[in-house]
Amino acid sequence: MIYVIEYEHLADELVRNERTEWHFKQVKKYANKFKLELTDEEFRGLFTLQKKDKDIGWIMHQMSYGSTFTDALISYIGWLR
């Protein structure tokens, strides 16, 4: 059985064209890969970061080990230095 959460209730709000559809699918793909049940706010934040070409895979990987979105984001910023 494959772990899948669709997040389709956010698609109408976030997807505006082919580019944003691709970013939406990327966030959804990583969330399901790491088996994360993201809140709407976390999904929107990761979507924004994905659109800005940030490494959301690294952030979600940290979240899969129990970090909150905020803690993972702070770690990511520190990792960039």
Protein backbone atom coordinates (compact mmCIF):
# COMPACT_ATOMS: atom_id res chain seq x y z
CA MET A 1 0.00 0.00 0.00
CA ILE A 2 1.36 3.40 -0.99
CA TYR A 3 1.06 6.26 1.49
CA VAL A 4 -0.83 9.08 -0.23
CA ILE A 5 -2.50 12.24 1.01
CA GLU A 6 -3.91 14.23 -1.87
CA TYR A 7 -4.04 17.81 -0.50
CA GLU A 8 -6.43 18.53 -3.38
CA HIS A 9 -8.49 20.89 -1.24
CA LEU A 10 -5.55 23.32 -1.55
CA ALA A 11 -5.19 22.98 -5.33
CA ASP A 12 -7.88 25.55 -6.18
CA GLU A 13 -6.16 28.10 -3.97
CA LEU A 14 -2.53 27.46 -4.99
CA VAL A 15 -2.54 26.22 -8.59
CA ARG A 16 -2.82 29.04 -11.11
CA ASN A 17 -0.92 27.72 -14.14
CA GLU A 18 1.35 24.86 -15.27
CA ARG A 19 4.29 26.17 -13.26
CA THR A 20 2.39 26.35 -9.97
CA GLU A 21 0.80 22.98 -10.70
CA TRP A 22 4.30 21.47 -11.00
CA HIS A 23 5.35 23.04 -7.67
CA PHE A 24 2.15 21.80 -6.03
CA LYS A 25 2.87 18.27 -7.23
CA GLN A 26 6.46 18.48 -5.94
CA VAL A 27 5.35 19.45 -2.44
CA LYS A 28 2.72 16.71 -2.48
CA LYS A 29 5.28 14.17 -3.74
CA TYR A 30 7.77 14.95 -0.95
CA ALA A 31 5.07 15.02 1.72
CA ASN A 32 3.94 11.55 0.69
CA LYS A 33 7.52 10.27 0.29
CA PHE A 34 8.29 11.20 3.89
CA LYS A 35 4.79 10.18 5.09
CA LEU A 36 4.03 13.63 6.48
CA GLU A 37 0.54 14.78 7.30
CA LEU A 38 1.03 18.49 6.75
CA THR A 39 -1.33 21.13 8.02
CA ASP A 40 -2.67 23.52 5.42
CA GLU A 41 -0.32 26.21 6.72
CA GLU A 42 2.72 23.91 6.52
CA PHE A 43 1.77 22.92 2.97
CA ARG A 44 1.38 26.57 1.95
CA GLY A 45 4.76 27.42 3.50
CA LEU A 46 6.51 24.55 1.75
CA PHE A 47 4.75 25.47 -1.50
CA THR A 48 6.10 29.02 -1.21
CA LEU A 49 9.61 27.72 -0.53
CA GLN A 50 9.34 25.31 -3.47
CA LYS A 51 8.38 28.18 -5.78
CA LYS A 52 11.51 30.01 -4.58
CA ASP A 53 13.64 26.96 -5.49
CA LYS A 54 14.52 26.01 -1.90
CA ASP A 55 15.37 22.45 -0.86
CA ILE A 56 12.04 21.36 0.59
CA GLY A 57 13.20 17.74 0.50
CA TRP A 58 15.78 18.52 3.18
CA ILE A 59 13.20 20.35 5.29
CA MET A 60 10.67 17.54 5.01
CA HIS A 61 13.35 14.98 5.78
CA GLN A 62 13.97 16.81 9.06
CA MET A 63 10.24 16.89 9.74
CA SER A 64 10.04 13.12 9.20
CA TYR A 65 12.29 12.73 12.24
CA GLY A 66 9.89 14.72 14.42
CA SER A 67 10.99 18.31 13.86
CA THR A 68 8.25 20.88 13.53
CA PHE A 69 8.05 22.91 10.34
CA THR A 70 9.46 25.92 12.20
CA ASP A 71 12.35 23.94 13.73
CA ALA A 72 13.18 22.36 10.35
CA LEU A 73 13.11 25.78 8.69
CA ILE A 74 15.45 27.25 11.32
CA SER A 75 17.82 24.30 10.86
CA TYR A 76 17.69 24.81 7.09
CA ILE A 77 18.63 28.48 7.46
CA GLY A 78 21.52 27.50 9.74
CA TRP A 79 22.58 24.80 7.26
CA LEU A 80 22.77 27.42 4.48
CA ARG A 81 25.41 29.43 6.31
